[in-house]
Amino acid sequence: MVFSENRPNSRNNFVFFYKVGPFLAILDKVGKNKEQMGYFEEIQEAKRFIQDKFNATPQIGVVLGSGLGAFAESFADATTISYGDIPHFAQSGVVGHAGELVLGELNGVTCAVMSGRVHFYEGFDMQKVTFPMRVLKALGCESILITNAAGSMNENFAPGDIMMITDHINMTGDNPLSGPNDERLGPRFPDMSTAYGPKGQAALKTAAAEMDLNLRQGVYVGLRGPSYETPAEIRMFRTLGVDAVGMSTVAEVIVAQHSGMDVAGLSILTNNAAGFNAEPLSHDEVKETADRVKGVLIELLNKSVKHLACP
């Protein structure tokens, strides 16, 4: 309403604002405060929703990349929740990502498994891409095992090999920690020198040794996507010492480190990077290779989860 002396009910308007004006001001202040702490509250709301359906506390979180969802099917008596049902979770439209949170027990270890992820290239901002990492931490996960399907640019590696990520290079052009920092979630300037820490690497190495698996080791570079890399870009990355390339993982690892979780990372090398073969790159090749090695991957993840859970 607008106060005007020319209107016959102007006195009524004045009385209205006199009585309810302070109340409206309070509502406006509450609304602004809610907006300022919205991200933290969204995390808590998602956590409570999940806890209403699964009351055990997960110790280990697992993120499954493109075509790697078969691991989530190995749980007995699991609780499965669609991302679309979880408050504030985004849903991926990429083939090979089921979009489900699977909670259950594996070898005596309570786990929360993300069967699929959303990507920066789908148009989501970094806070939305990494929101599930925040929720896994809020649920109680102390360690996170992150997997992806990646292209190999190391001549000693072959499609079908599995690589333990020892470090990464962030080439997405963004960082999920940009903007105001909420100290309830982590420090302003987290150290990334041991993002893939000794505990996670030791768990993966021990699991691979038990399988007599030749576990590759190398550096992963994360790009924005969705286009694949050019041969010139691959030559540049090789000069920088990169072994595998993909379009995920780095933002999740940054947030996991910010949150204080131990991180282990695996790249399933599903194809050679651009310039290695005459054939064009395709997502179908990624899915086919992931399907071919899923048996080995499931065994490796099973064993790795057990070792990650050890003190």
C-alpha atoms as a PDB file:
ATOM      1  CA  MET A   1       0.000   0.000   0.000  1.00  0.00           C
ATOM      2  CA  VAL A   2       1.056   3.600  -0.631  1.00  0.00           C
ATOM      3  CA  PHE A   3       0.289   6.360   1.844  1.00  0.00           C
ATOM      4  CA  SER A   4      -1.350   9.330   0.150  1.00  0.00           C
ATOM      5  CA  GLU A   5      -3.250  12.301   1.532  1.00  0.00           C
ATOM      6  CA  ASN A   6      -5.441  12.285  -1.594  1.00  0.00           C
ATOM      7  CA  ARG A   7      -6.918   8.893  -0.778  1.00  0.00           C
ATOM      8  CA  PRO A   8     -10.007   8.767   1.472  1.00  0.00           C
ATOM      9  CA  ASN A   9      -8.658   5.767   3.430  1.00  0.00           C
ATOM     10  CA  SER A  10      -5.186   7.267   3.994  1.00  0.00           C
ATOM     11  CA  ARG A  11      -5.686   7.332   7.763  1.00  0.00           C
ATOM     12  CA  ASN A  12      -6.486   3.630   7.715  1.00  0.00           C
ATOM     13  CA  ASN A  13      -3.313   2.989   5.745  1.00  0.00           C
ATOM     14  CA  PHE A  14      -1.293   4.905   8.303  1.00  0.00           C
ATOM     15  CA  VAL A  15      -2.797   2.923  11.166  1.00  0.00           C
ATOM     16  CA  PHE A  16      -2.127  -0.337   9.277  1.00  0.00           C
ATOM     17  CA  PHE A  17       1.569   0.417   8.818  1.00  0.00           C
ATOM     18  CA  TYR A  18       1.886   1.746  12.355  1.00  0.00           C
ATOM     19  CA  LYS A  19       0.600  -1.542  13.780  1.00  0.00           C
ATOM     20  CA  VAL A  20       2.100  -4.153  11.453  1.00  0.00           C
ATOM     21  CA  GLY A  21       5.206  -2.327  10.197  1.00  0.00           C
ATOM     22  CA  PRO A  22       7.518  -3.601  12.978  1.00  0.00           C
ATOM     23  CA  PHE A  23       6.244  -7.145  12.414  1.00  0.00           C
ATOM     24  CA  LEU A  24       6.973  -6.930   8.678  1.00  0.00           C
ATOM     25  CA  ALA A  25      10.473  -5.675   9.446  1.00  0.00           C
ATOM     26  CA  ILE A  26      11.086  -8.686  11.687  1.00  0.00           C
ATOM     27  CA  LEU A  27       9.895 -11.063   8.966  1.00  0.00           C
ATOM     28  CA  ASP A  28      12.210  -9.377   6.480  1.00  0.00           C
ATOM     29  CA  LYS A  29      15.184  -9.771   8.844  1.00  0.00           C
ATOM     30  CA  VAL A  30      14.366 -13.434   9.488  1.00  0.00           C
ATOM     31  CA  GLY A  31      14.124 -14.018   5.745  1.00  0.00           C
ATOM     32  CA  LYS A  32      17.532 -12.445   5.154  1.00  0.00           C
ATOM     33  CA  ASN A  33      19.124 -14.486   7.964  1.00  0.00           C
ATOM     34  CA  LYS A  34      17.602 -17.658   6.545  1.00  0.00           C
ATOM     35  CA  GLU A  35      19.052 -16.814   3.139  1.00  0.00           C
ATOM     36  CA  GLN A  36      22.510 -16.233   4.632  1.00  0.00           C
ATOM     37  CA  MET A  37      22.659 -19.617   6.365  1.00  0.00           C
ATOM     38  CA  GLY A  38      20.650 -21.461   3.717  1.00  0.00           C
ATOM     39  CA  TYR A  39      23.403 -23.795   2.460  1.00  0.00           C
ATOM     40  CA  PHE A  40      24.188 -25.171   5.920  1.00  0.00           C
ATOM     41  CA  GLU A  41      20.497 -25.591   6.683  1.00  0.00           C
ATOM     42  CA  GLU A  42      19.956 -27.382   3.367  1.00  0.00           C
ATOM     43  CA  ILE A  43      22.678 -29.864   4.324  1.00  0.00           C
ATOM     44  CA  GLN A  44      20.985 -30.491   7.662  1.00  0.00           C
ATOM     45  CA  GLU A  45      17.583 -30.932   6.038  1.00  0.00           C
ATOM     46  CA  ALA A  46      18.966 -33.507   3.590  1.00  0.00           C
ATOM     47  CA  LYS A  47      20.710 -35.300   6.450  1.00  0.00           C
ATOM     48  CA  ARG A  48      17.526 -35.522   8.507  1.00  0.00           C
ATOM     49  CA  PHE A  49      15.564 -36.828   5.528  1.00  0.00           C
ATOM     50  CA  ILE A  50      18.085 -39.638   4.978  1.00  0.00           C
ATOM     51  CA  GLN A  51      18.298 -40.463   8.684  1.00  0.00           C
ATOM     52  CA  ASP A  52      14.522 -40.889   8.799  1.00  0.00           C
ATOM     53  CA  LYS A  53      14.916 -43.728   6.288  1.00  0.00           C
ATOM     54  CA  PHE A  54      18.221 -45.199   7.495  1.00  0.00           C
ATOM     55  CA  ASN A  55      19.094 -44.836  11.159  1.00  0.00           C
ATOM     56  CA  ALA A  56      22.621 -46.308  11.185  1.00  0.00           C
ATOM     57  CA  THR A  57      25.656 -44.030  10.908  1.00  0.00           C
ATOM     58  CA  PRO A  58      27.704 -44.629   7.744  1.00  0.00           C
ATOM     59  CA  GLN A  59      31.439 -44.726   8.280  1.00  0.00           C
ATOM     60  CA  ILE A  60      32.556 -44.804   4.639  1.00  0.00           C
ATOM     61  CA  GLY A  61      31.192 -42.923   1.653  1.00  0.00           C
ATOM     62  CA  VAL A  62      31.685 -44.191  -1.907  1.00  0.00           C
ATOM     63  CA  VAL A  63      31.104 -42.226  -5.128  1.00  0.00           C
ATOM     64  CA  LEU A  64      30.602 -44.277  -8.290  1.00  0.00           C
ATOM     65  CA  GLY A  65      31.441 -42.775 -11.679  1.00  0.00           C
ATOM     66  CA  SER A  66      30.117 -43.408 -15.191  1.00  0.00           C
ATOM     67  CA  GLY A  67      29.068 -47.025 -15.738  1.00  0.00           C
ATOM     68  CA  LEU A  68      30.356 -48.113 -12.318  1.00  0.00           C
ATOM     69  CA  GLY A  69      27.046 -48.525 -10.521  1.00  0.00           C
ATOM     70  CA  ALA A  70      27.289 -52.333 -10.286  1.00  0.00           C
ATOM     71  CA  PHE A  71      29.070 -52.044  -6.927  1.00  0.00           C
ATOM     72  CA  ALA A  72      25.928 -50.599  -5.349  1.00  0.00           C
ATOM     73  CA  GLU A  73      24.078 -53.786  -6.291  1.00  0.00           C
ATOM     74  CA  SER A  74      26.363 -55.921  -4.097  1.00  0.00           C
ATOM     75  CA  PHE A  75      24.744 -54.756  -0.843  1.00  0.00           C
ATOM     76  CA  ALA A  76      22.326 -57.040   0.957  1.00  0.00           C
ATOM     77  CA  ASP A  77      19.226 -55.458   2.543  1.00  0.00           C
ATOM     78  CA  ALA A  78      20.216 -51.999   1.353  1.00  0.00           C
ATOM     79  CA  THR A  79      18.158 -48.842   1.660  1.00  0.00           C
ATOM     80  CA  THR A  80      17.974 -47.064  -1.701  1.00  0.00           C
ATOM     81  CA  ILE A  81      16.863 -43.444  -2.025  1.00  0.00           C
ATOM     82  CA  SER A  82      16.501 -41.616  -5.331  1.00  0.00           C
ATOM     83  CA  TYR A  83      18.356 -38.310  -5.519  1.00  0.00           C
ATOM     84  CA  GLY A  84      15.102 -36.782  -6.657  1.00  0.00           C
ATOM     85  CA  ASP A  85      13.552 -37.561  -3.275  1.00  0.00           C
ATOM     86  CA  ILE A  86      16.363 -36.087  -1.161  1.00  0.00           C
ATOM     87  CA  PRO A  87      15.896 -32.385  -0.403  1.00  0.00           C
ATOM     88  CA  HIS A  88      18.261 -30.143  -2.384  1.00  0.00           C
ATOM     89  CA  PHE A  89      19.984 -33.013  -4.239  1.00  0.00           C
ATOM     90  CA  ALA A  90      20.456 -32.478  -7.965  1.00  0.00           C
ATOM     91  CA  GLN A  91      19.783 -35.237 -10.497  1.00  0.00           C
ATOM     92  CA  SER A  92      22.143 -36.170 -13.304  1.00  0.00           C
ATOM     93  CA  GLY A  93      20.912 -36.619 -16.837  1.00  0.00           C
ATOM     94  CA  VAL A  94      24.044 -38.487 -17.955  1.00  0.00           C
ATOM     95  CA  VAL A  95      23.674 -42.103 -19.093  1.00  0.00           C
ATOM     96  CA  GLY A  96      25.440 -44.487 -16.714  1.00  0.00           C
ATOM     97  CA  HIS A  97      24.593 -42.518 -13.557  1.00  0.00           C
ATOM     98  CA  ALA A  98      21.691 -44.133 -11.686  1.00  0.00           C
ATOM     99  CA  GLY A  99      21.110 -41.174  -9.375  1.00  0.00           C
ATOM    100  CA  GLU A 100      20.572 -43.156  -6.173  1.00  0.00           C
ATOM    101  CA  LEU A 101      21.955 -43.118  -2.659  1.00  0.00           C
ATOM    102  CA  VAL A 102      22.443 -46.689  -1.423  1.00  0.00           C
ATOM    103  CA  LEU A 103      22.953 -47.252   2.303  1.00  0.00           C
ATOM    104  CA  GLY A 104      23.810 -50.539   3.942  1.00  0.00           C
ATOM    105  CA  GLU A 105      26.447 -52.785   5.436  1.00  0.00           C
ATOM    106  CA  LEU A 106      29.348 -54.291   3.537  1.00  0.00           C
ATOM    107  CA  ASN A 107      31.759 -56.682   5.271  1.00  0.00           C
ATOM    108  CA  GLY A 108      30.674 -55.292   8.618  1.00  0.00           C
ATOM    109  CA  VAL A 109      31.189 -51.669   7.527  1.00  0.00           C
ATOM    110  CA  THR A 110      28.229 -49.287   7.216  1.00  0.00           C
ATOM    111  CA  CYS A 111      28.505 -47.403   3.921  1.00  0.00           C
ATOM    112  CA  ALA A 112      26.737 -44.677   1.997  1.00  0.00           C
ATOM    113  CA  VAL A 113      27.179 -45.184  -1.748  1.00  0.00           C
ATOM    114  CA  MET A 114      26.412 -42.547  -4.340  1.00  0.00           C
ATOM    115  CA  SER A 115      25.465 -44.436  -7.481  1.00  0.00           C
ATOM    116  CA  GLY A 116      26.147 -41.637  -9.943  1.00  0.00           C
ATOM    117  CA  ARG A 117      26.973 -37.957  -9.610  1.00  0.00           C
ATOM    118  CA  VAL A 118      26.087 -34.627 -11.157  1.00  0.00           C
ATOM    119  CA  HIS A 119      28.663 -32.691 -13.157  1.00  0.00           C
ATOM    120  CA  PHE A 120      29.723 -29.096 -13.539  1.00  0.00           C
ATOM    121  CA  TYR A 121      29.144 -29.333 -17.297  1.00  0.00           C
ATOM    122  CA  GLU A 122      25.462 -30.127 -16.754  1.00  0.00           C
ATOM    123  CA  GLY A 123      24.956 -26.531 -15.677  1.00  0.00           C
ATOM    124  CA  PHE A 124      25.028 -27.011 -11.898  1.00  0.00           C
ATOM    125  CA  ASP A 125      27.221 -24.714  -9.836  1.00  0.00           C
ATOM    126  CA  MET A 126      30.068 -26.138  -7.782  1.00  0.00           C
ATOM    127  CA  GLN A 127      28.123 -25.938  -4.514  1.00  0.00           C
ATOM    128  CA  LYS A 128      25.378 -28.090  -6.004  1.00  0.00           C
ATOM    129  CA  VAL A 129      27.883 -30.528  -7.544  1.00  0.00           C
ATOM    130  CA  THR A 130      29.583 -31.052  -4.171  1.00  0.00           C
ATOM    131  CA  PHE A 131      26.460 -30.876  -2.001  1.00  0.00           C
ATOM    132  CA  PRO A 132      26.386 -34.691  -1.568  1.00  0.00           C
ATOM    133  CA  MET A 133      29.911 -34.562  -0.079  1.00  0.00           C
ATOM    134  CA  ARG A 134      28.630 -32.183   2.575  1.00  0.00           C
ATOM    135  CA  VAL A 135      25.710 -34.465   3.336  1.00  0.00           C
ATOM    136  CA  LEU A 136      27.903 -37.583   3.576  1.00  0.00           C
ATOM    137  CA  LYS A 137      30.079 -35.775   6.103  1.00  0.00           C
ATOM    138  CA  ALA A 138      27.020 -34.631   8.057  1.00  0.00           C
ATOM    139  CA  LEU A 139      25.749 -38.231   8.145  1.00  0.00           C
ATOM    140  CA  GLY A 140      28.988 -39.303   9.839  1.00  0.00           C
ATOM    141  CA  CYS A 141      31.284 -40.506   7.028  1.00  0.00           C
ATOM    142  CA  GLU A 142      34.919 -40.295   8.116  1.00  0.00           C
ATOM    143  CA  SER A 143      36.413 -41.450   4.801  1.00  0.00           C
ATOM    144  CA  ILE A 144      35.382 -41.148   1.174  1.00  0.00           C
ATOM    145  CA  LEU A 145      36.308 -43.401  -1.740  1.00  0.00           C
ATOM    146  CA  ILE A 146      35.797 -41.541  -5.012  1.00  0.00           C
ATOM    147  CA  THR A 147      35.832 -43.271  -8.395  1.00  0.00           C
ATOM    148  CA  ASN A 148      35.623 -42.029 -11.943  1.00  0.00           C
ATOM    149  CA  ALA A 149      35.916 -43.176 -15.522  1.00  0.00           C
ATOM    150  CA  ALA A 150      38.896 -41.464 -17.107  1.00  0.00           C
ATOM    151  CA  GLY A 151      40.928 -41.273 -20.283  1.00  0.00           C
ATOM    152  CA  SER A 152      44.509 -42.484 -20.118  1.00  0.00           C
ATOM    153  CA  MET A 153      47.392 -40.408 -21.454  1.00  0.00           C
ATOM    154  CA  ASN A 154      50.190 -42.557 -20.038  1.00  0.00           C
ATOM    155  CA  GLU A 155      51.676 -44.817 -22.712  1.00  0.00           C
ATOM    156  CA  ASN A 156      52.342 -47.497 -20.098  1.00  0.00           C
ATOM    157  CA  PHE A 157      48.650 -47.715 -19.177  1.00  0.00           C
ATOM    158  CA  ALA A 158      45.905 -49.441 -21.143  1.00  0.00           C
ATOM    159  CA  PRO A 159      42.102 -49.207 -21.237  1.00  0.00           C
ATOM    160  CA  GLY A 160      40.772 -51.426 -18.478  1.00  0.00           C
ATOM    161  CA  ASP A 161      43.576 -50.583 -16.040  1.00  0.00           C
ATOM    162  CA  ILE A 162      42.674 -49.130 -12.648  1.00  0.00           C
ATOM    163  CA  MET A 163      44.705 -46.177 -11.392  1.00  0.00           C
ATOM    164  CA  MET A 164      45.048 -44.952  -7.830  1.00  0.00           C
ATOM    165  CA  ILE A 165      44.952 -41.156  -7.887  1.00  0.00           C
ATOM    166  CA  THR A 166      47.978 -39.749  -6.060  1.00  0.00           C
ATOM    167  CA  ASP A 167      47.270 -36.090  -6.836  1.00  0.00           C
ATOM    168  CA  HIS A 168      45.180 -33.913  -9.126  1.00  0.00           C
ATOM    169  CA  ILE A 169      45.220 -30.715 -11.158  1.00  0.00           C
ATOM    170  CA  ASN A 170      42.080 -28.575 -11.128  1.00  0.00           C
ATOM    171  CA  MET A 171      41.452 -27.256 -14.644  1.00  0.00           C
ATOM    172  CA  THR A 172      37.709 -26.705 -14.279  1.00  0.00           C
ATOM    173  CA  GLY A 173      38.120 -22.945 -13.984  1.00  0.00           C
ATOM    174  CA  ASP A 174      36.261 -22.885 -10.675  1.00  0.00           C
ATOM    175  CA  ASN A 175      36.556 -23.923  -7.039  1.00  0.00           C
ATOM    176  CA  PRO A 176      33.707 -25.139  -4.804  1.00  0.00           C
ATOM    177  CA  LEU A 177      35.091 -23.102  -1.887  1.00  0.00           C
ATOM    178  CA  SER A 178      34.805 -19.756  -3.673  1.00  0.00           C
ATOM    179  CA  GLY A 179      32.684 -17.195  -1.880  1.00  0.00           C
ATOM    180  CA  PRO A 180      31.999 -16.734   1.845  1.00  0.00           C
ATOM    181  CA  ASN A 181      33.322 -19.534   4.053  1.00  0.00           C
ATOM    182  CA  ASP A 182      31.159 -21.197   6.707  1.00  0.00           C
ATOM    183  CA  GLU A 183      33.480 -22.268   9.532  1.00  0.00           C
ATOM    184  CA  ARG A 184      30.947 -24.920  10.530  1.00  0.00           C
ATOM    185  CA  LEU A 185      31.856 -26.736   7.296  1.00  0.00           C
ATOM    186  CA  GLY A 186      35.614 -26.233   7.271  1.00  0.00           C
ATOM    187  CA  PRO A 187      38.493 -23.728   7.323  1.00  0.00           C
ATOM    188  CA  ARG A 188      38.850 -20.780   4.961  1.00  0.00           C
ATOM    189  CA  PHE A 189      42.147 -22.041   3.488  1.00  0.00           C
ATOM    190  CA  PRO A 190      42.321 -25.860   3.596  1.00  0.00           C
ATOM    191  CA  ASP A 191      45.668 -27.524   2.882  1.00  0.00           C
ATOM    192  CA  MET A 192      45.630 -29.695  -0.249  1.00  0.00           C
ATOM    193  CA  SER A 193      49.161 -31.126  -0.025  1.00  0.00           C
ATOM    194  CA  THR A 194      47.791 -34.481   1.133  1.00  0.00           C
ATOM    195  CA  ALA A 195      44.372 -34.424  -0.522  1.00  0.00           C
ATOM    196  CA  TYR A 196      44.773 -38.119  -1.359  1.00  0.00           C
ATOM    197  CA  GLY A 197      46.203 -38.994   2.009  1.00  0.00           C
ATOM    198  CA  PRO A 198      48.345 -41.859   3.225  1.00  0.00           C
ATOM    199  CA  LYS A 199      45.433 -43.721   4.835  1.00  0.00           C
ATOM    200  CA  GLY A 200      43.453 -43.870   1.606  1.00  0.00           C
ATOM    201  CA  GLN A 201      46.442 -44.825  -0.507  1.00  0.00           C
ATOM    202  CA  ALA A 202      47.489 -47.520   1.957  1.00  0.00           C
ATOM    203  CA  ALA A 203      43.976 -49.023   1.911  1.00  0.00           C
ATOM    204  CA  LEU A 204      43.941 -49.191  -1.895  1.00  0.00           C
ATOM    205  CA  LYS A 205      47.440 -50.661  -2.118  1.00  0.00           C
ATOM    206  CA  THR A 206      46.685 -53.319   0.483  1.00  0.00           C
ATOM    207  CA  ALA A 207      43.446 -54.290  -1.258  1.00  0.00           C
ATOM    208  CA  ALA A 208      45.186 -54.505  -4.641  1.00  0.00           C
ATOM    209  CA  ALA A 209      47.985 -56.631  -3.191  1.00  0.00           C
ATOM    210  CA  GLU A 210      45.445 -59.102  -1.800  1.00  0.00           C
ATOM    211  CA  MET A 211      44.058 -59.440  -5.327  1.00  0.00           C
ATOM    212  CA  ASP A 212      47.458 -59.537  -7.028  1.00  0.00           C
ATOM    213  CA  LEU A 213      46.197 -56.577  -9.037  1.00  0.00           C
ATOM    214  CA  ASN A 214      48.586 -54.284 -10.889  1.00  0.00           C
ATOM    215  CA  LEU A 215      47.208 -51.045  -9.478  1.00  0.00           C
ATOM    216  CA  ARG A 216      48.473 -48.117 -11.499  1.00  0.00           C
ATOM    217  CA  GLN A 217      49.356 -44.838  -9.812  1.00  0.00           C
ATOM    218  CA  GLY A 218      49.184 -41.351 -11.255  1.00  0.00           C
ATOM    219  CA  VAL A 219      47.973 -37.775 -11.443  1.00  0.00           C
ATOM    220  CA  TYR A 220      44.430 -36.943 -12.562  1.00  0.00           C
ATOM    221  CA  VAL A 221      43.396 -33.706 -14.236  1.00  0.00           C
ATOM    222  CA  GLY A 222      39.787 -32.576 -13.952  1.00  0.00           C
ATOM    223  CA  LEU A 223      38.308 -30.493 -16.774  1.00  0.00           C
ATOM    224  CA  ARG A 224      34.995 -28.704 -17.092  1.00  0.00           C
ATOM    225  CA  GLY A 225      33.773 -30.633 -20.172  1.00  0.00           C
ATOM    226  CA  PRO A 226      31.531 -31.752 -21.749  1.00  0.00           C
ATOM    227  CA  SER A 227      33.635 -31.818 -24.921  1.00  0.00           C
ATOM    228  CA  TYR A 228      36.519 -34.247 -24.937  1.00  0.00           C
ATOM    229  CA  GLU A 229      40.056 -32.884 -25.048  1.00  0.00           C
ATOM    230  CA  THR A 230      41.960 -32.003 -28.194  1.00  0.00           C
ATOM    231  CA  PRO A 231      45.244 -33.797 -29.007  1.00  0.00           C
ATOM    232  CA  ALA A 232      47.072 -30.519 -28.336  1.00  0.00           C
ATOM    233  CA  GLU A 233      45.556 -30.288 -24.868  1.00  0.00           C
ATOM    234  CA  ILE A 234      46.568 -33.875 -24.152  1.00  0.00           C
ATOM    235  CA  ARG A 235      50.151 -33.132 -25.206  1.00  0.00           C
ATOM    236  CA  MET A 236      50.148 -30.164 -22.814  1.00  0.00           C
ATOM    237  CA  PHE A 237      48.840 -32.261 -19.923  1.00  0.00           C
ATOM    238  CA  ARG A 238      51.421 -34.973 -20.564  1.00  0.00           C
ATOM    239  CA  THR A 239      54.118 -32.309 -20.345  1.00  0.00           C
ATOM    240  CA  LEU A 240      52.672 -31.313 -16.968  1.00  0.00           C
ATOM    241  CA  GLY A 241      52.979 -34.902 -15.717  1.00  0.00           C
ATOM    242  CA  VAL A 242      49.325 -35.910 -15.939  1.00  0.00           C
ATOM    243  CA  ASP A 243      48.363 -39.582 -16.368  1.00  0.00           C
ATOM    244  CA  ALA A 244      44.560 -39.502 -16.626  1.00  0.00           C
ATOM    245  CA  VAL A 245      41.891 -36.985 -17.582  1.00  0.00           C
ATOM    246  CA  GLY A 246      38.212 -36.647 -16.718  1.00  0.00           C
ATOM    247  CA  MET A 247      35.342 -34.277 -15.965  1.00  0.00           C
ATOM    248  CA  SER A 248      34.675 -34.866 -12.269  1.00  0.00           C
ATOM    249  CA  THR A 249      36.287 -35.711  -8.905  1.00  0.00           C
ATOM    250  CA  VAL A 250      38.485 -32.677  -8.186  1.00  0.00           C
ATOM    251  CA  ALA A 251      35.673 -30.521  -6.764  1.00  0.00           C
ATOM    252  CA  GLU A 252      34.442 -33.417  -4.619  1.00  0.00           C
ATOM    253  CA  VAL A 253      37.945 -34.044  -3.288  1.00  0.00           C
ATOM    254  CA  ILE A 254      38.436 -30.357  -2.455  1.00  0.00           C
ATOM    255  CA  VAL A 255      35.208 -30.345  -0.429  1.00  0.00           C
ATOM    256  CA  ALA A 256      36.021 -33.678   1.231  1.00  0.00           C
ATOM    257  CA  GLN A 257      39.396 -32.281   2.286  1.00  0.00           C
ATOM    258  CA  HIS A 258      37.734 -29.070   3.465  1.00  0.00           C
ATOM    259  CA  SER A 259      35.327 -31.193   5.512  1.00  0.00           C
ATOM    260  CA  GLY A 260      38.096 -33.220   7.168  1.00  0.00           C
ATOM    261  CA  MET A 261      37.437 -36.575   5.483  1.00  0.00           C
ATOM    262  CA  ASP A 262      40.141 -39.042   4.476  1.00  0.00           C
ATOM    263  CA  VAL A 263      40.112 -39.431   0.681  1.00  0.00           C
ATOM    264  CA  ALA A 264      40.958 -42.348  -1.593  1.00  0.00           C
ATOM    265  CA  GLY A 265      40.599 -41.963  -5.354  1.00  0.00           C
ATOM    266  CA  LEU A 266      40.391 -44.454  -8.215  1.00  0.00           C
ATOM    267  CA  SER A 267      40.270 -43.848 -11.956  1.00  0.00           C
ATOM    268  CA  ILE A 268      39.026 -46.649 -14.189  1.00  0.00           C
ATOM    269  CA  LEU A 269      40.903 -46.012 -17.421  1.00  0.00           C
ATOM    270  CA  THR A 270      38.134 -46.642 -19.907  1.00  0.00           C
ATOM    271  CA  ASN A 271      39.791 -45.259 -23.033  1.00  0.00           C
ATOM    272  CA  ASN A 272      42.933 -43.668 -24.414  1.00  0.00           C
ATOM    273  CA  ALA A 273      42.875 -39.889 -24.520  1.00  0.00           C
ATOM    274  CA  ALA A 274      42.640 -37.893 -27.747  1.00  0.00           C
ATOM    275  CA  GLY A 275      45.499 -38.361 -30.166  1.00  0.00           C
ATOM    276  CA  PHE A 276      46.395 -41.914 -29.129  1.00  0.00           C
ATOM    277  CA  ASN A 277      43.978 -43.647 -31.517  1.00  0.00           C
ATOM    278  CA  ALA A 278      42.546 -42.840 -34.922  1.00  0.00           C
ATOM    279  CA  GLU A 279      38.987 -43.548 -33.739  1.00  0.00           C
ATOM    280  CA  PRO A 280      36.916 -40.700 -32.251  1.00  0.00           C
ATOM    281  CA  LEU A 281      36.216 -40.737 -28.521  1.00  0.00           C
ATOM    282  CA  SER A 282      32.734 -41.785 -27.380  1.00  0.00           C
ATOM    283  CA  HIS A 283      30.805 -42.265 -24.163  1.00  0.00           C
ATOM    284  CA  ASP A 284      29.787 -45.731 -25.388  1.00  0.00           C
ATOM    285  CA  GLU A 285      33.428 -46.832 -25.158  1.00  0.00           C
ATOM    286  CA  VAL A 286      33.543 -45.561 -21.586  1.00  0.00           C
ATOM    287  CA  LYS A 287      30.497 -47.635 -20.614  1.00  0.00           C
ATOM    288  CA  GLU A 288      31.725 -50.750 -22.426  1.00  0.00           C
ATOM    289  CA  THR A 289      35.116 -50.737 -20.683  1.00  0.00           C
ATOM    290  CA  ALA A 290      33.558 -50.002 -17.298  1.00  0.00           C
ATOM    291  CA  ASP A 291      31.254 -52.988 -17.782  1.00  0.00           C
ATOM    292  CA  ARG A 292      34.199 -55.215 -18.736  1.00  0.00           C
ATOM    293  CA  VAL A 293      36.174 -54.491 -15.555  1.00  0.00           C
ATOM    294  CA  LYS A 294      33.268 -54.251 -13.119  1.00  0.00           C
ATOM    295  CA  GLY A 295      34.038 -57.614 -11.500  1.00  0.00           C
ATOM    296  CA  VAL A 296      37.588 -56.572 -10.641  1.00  0.00           C
ATOM    297  CA  LEU A 297      36.418 -53.144  -9.523  1.00  0.00           C
ATOM    298  CA  ILE A 298      33.741 -54.548  -7.201  1.00  0.00           C
ATOM    299  CA  GLU A 299      36.286 -56.809  -5.513  1.00  0.00           C
ATOM    300  CA  LEU A 300      38.751 -53.920  -5.165  1.00  0.00           C
ATOM    301  CA  LEU A 301      36.109 -51.643  -3.664  1.00  0.00           C
ATOM    302  CA  ASN A 302      34.930 -54.360  -1.279  1.00  0.00           C
ATOM    303  CA  LYS A 303      38.414 -54.882   0.071  1.00  0.00           C
ATOM    304  CA  SER A 304      39.291 -51.176   0.077  1.00  0.00           C
ATOM    305  CA  VAL A 305      36.222 -50.281   2.154  1.00  0.00           C
ATOM    306  CA  LYS A 306      37.264 -52.827   4.784  1.00  0.00           C
ATOM    307  CA  HIS A 307      40.783 -51.384   5.023  1.00  0.00           C
ATOM    308  CA  LEU A 308      39.574 -47.778   4.998  1.00  0.00           C
ATOM    309  CA  ALA A 309      37.414 -48.549   8.012  1.00  0.00           C
ATOM    310  CA  CYS A 310      40.406 -49.745  10.043  1.00  0.00           C
ATOM    311  CA  PRO A 311      41.777 -47.156  12.520  1.00  0.00           C
END
